[in-house]
């Protein structure tokens, strides 16, 4: 079954990324569709999505996931720099 988790992080803010949406099956498909519609980069990592799906929506990610999420954010920032620059 498909799983999707959406994160929000504002560059330059000290807060950890926050889970803003999480779902399985058709709801996961909808999260992915919304990301595509809004040009939000998508990074596929089933293991990380599984871990993040245990974090409540509107909650900051736990410290033990910082390193894994940092790799995803680095991926997103690289994509954004290529697109804008």
C-alpha atoms as a PDB file:
ATOM      1  CA  UNK A   1       0.000   0.000   0.000  1.00  0.00           C
ATOM      2  CA  UNK A   2       1.279   3.440  -0.938  1.00  0.00           C
ATOM      3  CA  UNK A   3       2.347   5.742   1.875  1.00  0.00           C
ATOM      4  CA  UNK A   4       3.038   9.486   1.693  1.00  0.00           C
ATOM      5  CA  UNK A   5       4.189  12.047   4.230  1.00  0.00           C
ATOM      6  CA  UNK A   6       4.460  15.775   3.541  1.00  0.00           C
ATOM      7  CA  UNK A   7       6.933  17.915   5.466  1.00  0.00           C
ATOM      8  CA  UNK A   8       7.222  21.658   5.831  1.00  0.00           C
ATOM      9  CA  UNK A   9      10.430  23.461   6.697  1.00  0.00           C
ATOM     10  CA  UNK A  10      11.233  27.121   6.350  1.00  0.00           C
ATOM     11  CA  UNK A  11      14.828  27.815   5.412  1.00  0.00           C
ATOM     12  CA  UNK A  12      16.544  29.986   7.985  1.00  0.00           C
ATOM     13  CA  UNK A  13      14.151  29.137  10.801  1.00  0.00           C
ATOM     14  CA  UNK A  14      15.519  27.158  13.736  1.00  0.00           C
ATOM     15  CA  UNK A  15      12.450  24.921  14.006  1.00  0.00           C
ATOM     16  CA  UNK A  16      12.613  21.295  12.957  1.00  0.00           C
ATOM     17  CA  UNK A  17      10.573  20.237   9.928  1.00  0.00           C
ATOM     18  CA  UNK A  18       6.915  19.589  10.657  1.00  0.00           C
ATOM     19  CA  UNK A  19       4.667  16.828   9.326  1.00  0.00           C
ATOM     20  CA  UNK A  20       1.816  18.597   7.527  1.00  0.00           C
ATOM     21  CA  UNK A  21       0.111  15.586   5.921  1.00  0.00           C
ATOM     22  CA  UNK A  22       0.338  11.830   6.165  1.00  0.00           C
ATOM     23  CA  UNK A  23      -1.694   9.057   4.623  1.00  0.00           C
ATOM     24  CA  UNK A  24      -1.953   5.629   3.055  1.00  0.00           C
ATOM     25  CA  UNK A  25      -3.601   4.321  -0.086  1.00  0.00           C
ATOM     26  CA  UNK A  26      -5.879   6.787  -1.864  1.00  0.00           C
ATOM     27  CA  UNK A  27      -5.070   9.548   0.637  1.00  0.00           C
ATOM     28  CA  UNK A  28      -1.344   9.070  -0.084  1.00  0.00           C
ATOM     29  CA  UNK A  29      -2.123   9.362  -3.796  1.00  0.00           C
ATOM     30  CA  UNK A  30      -3.926  12.643  -3.112  1.00  0.00           C
ATOM     31  CA  UNK A  31      -0.961  14.010  -1.132  1.00  0.00           C
ATOM     32  CA  UNK A  32       1.311  13.170  -4.070  1.00  0.00           C
ATOM     33  CA  UNK A  33      -1.117  14.731  -6.581  1.00  0.00           C
ATOM     34  CA  UNK A  34      -1.252  17.951  -4.528  1.00  0.00           C
ATOM     35  CA  UNK A  35       2.545  18.052  -4.371  1.00  0.00           C
ATOM     36  CA  UNK A  36       2.723  17.645  -8.166  1.00  0.00           C
ATOM     37  CA  UNK A  37       0.074  20.334  -8.717  1.00  0.00           C
ATOM     38  CA  UNK A  38       2.048  22.771  -6.561  1.00  0.00           C
ATOM     39  CA  UNK A  39       5.512  21.900  -7.913  1.00  0.00           C
ATOM     40  CA  UNK A  40       6.604  20.507  -4.550  1.00  0.00           C
ATOM     41  CA  UNK A  41       9.591  18.178  -4.970  1.00  0.00           C
ATOM     42  CA  UNK A  42       8.912  14.540  -4.151  1.00  0.00           C
ATOM     43  CA  UNK A  43      11.560  12.256  -2.694  1.00  0.00           C
ATOM     44  CA  UNK A  44      10.781   8.550  -2.562  1.00  0.00           C
ATOM     45  CA  UNK A  45      12.101   6.752   0.516  1.00  0.00           C
ATOM     46  CA  UNK A  46       9.745   4.044   1.749  1.00  0.00           C
ATOM     47  CA  UNK A  47      11.682   3.435   4.962  1.00  0.00           C
ATOM     48  CA  UNK A  48      11.729   7.095   5.955  1.00  0.00           C
ATOM     49  CA  UNK A  49       8.067   7.519   5.010  1.00  0.00           C
ATOM     50  CA  UNK A  50       7.227   4.580   7.244  1.00  0.00           C
ATOM     51  CA  UNK A  51       9.052   6.184  10.175  1.00  0.00           C
ATOM     52  CA  UNK A  52       7.581   9.628   9.530  1.00  0.00           C
ATOM     53  CA  UNK A  53       4.060   8.218   9.245  1.00  0.00           C
ATOM     54  CA  UNK A  54       4.245   7.507  12.976  1.00  0.00           C
ATOM     55  CA  UNK A  55       4.665  11.246  13.693  1.00  0.00           C
ATOM     56  CA  UNK A  56       1.383  13.071  14.270  1.00  0.00           C
ATOM     57  CA  UNK A  57       0.313  15.653  11.710  1.00  0.00           C
ATOM     58  CA  UNK A  58       1.255  19.175  12.894  1.00  0.00           C
ATOM     59  CA  UNK A  59       4.105  17.758  14.990  1.00  0.00           C
ATOM     60  CA  UNK A  60       7.785  18.478  14.528  1.00  0.00           C
ATOM     61  CA  UNK A  61       9.886  15.505  13.509  1.00  0.00           C
ATOM     62  CA  UNK A  62      11.705  13.808  16.386  1.00  0.00           C
ATOM     63  CA  UNK A  63      15.409  14.366  16.880  1.00  0.00           C
ATOM     64  CA  UNK A  64      16.279  10.787  15.949  1.00  0.00           C
ATOM     65  CA  UNK A  65      15.009  11.464  12.400  1.00  0.00           C
ATOM     66  CA  UNK A  66      16.892  14.760  11.907  1.00  0.00           C
ATOM     67  CA  UNK A  67      19.763  13.218   9.922  1.00  0.00           C
ATOM     68  CA  UNK A  68      17.516  11.300   7.524  1.00  0.00           C
ATOM     69  CA  UNK A  69      15.236  14.294   6.978  1.00  0.00           C
ATOM     70  CA  UNK A  70      18.264  16.576   6.521  1.00  0.00           C
ATOM     71  CA  UNK A  71      19.307  14.411   3.558  1.00  0.00           C
ATOM     72  CA  UNK A  72      15.846  14.848   2.034  1.00  0.00           C
ATOM     73  CA  UNK A  73      15.914  18.611   2.593  1.00  0.00           C
ATOM     74  CA  UNK A  74      19.360  18.810   0.980  1.00  0.00           C
ATOM     75  CA  UNK A  75      17.878  16.978  -2.038  1.00  0.00           C
ATOM     76  CA  UNK A  76      14.992  19.475  -2.193  1.00  0.00           C
ATOM     77  CA  UNK A  77      17.259  22.507  -1.857  1.00  0.00           C
ATOM     78  CA  UNK A  78      19.520  21.181  -4.655  1.00  0.00           C
ATOM     79  CA  UNK A  79      16.498  20.768  -6.931  1.00  0.00           C
ATOM     80  CA  UNK A  80      15.209  24.247  -6.096  1.00  0.00           C
ATOM     81  CA  UNK A  81      18.633  25.781  -6.814  1.00  0.00           C
ATOM     82  CA  UNK A  82      18.816  24.034 -10.196  1.00  0.00           C
ATOM     83  CA  UNK A  83      15.341  25.238 -11.108  1.00  0.00           C
ATOM     84  CA  UNK A  84      15.860  28.842  -9.984  1.00  0.00           C
ATOM     85  CA  UNK A  85      19.461  29.244 -10.912  1.00  0.00           C
END
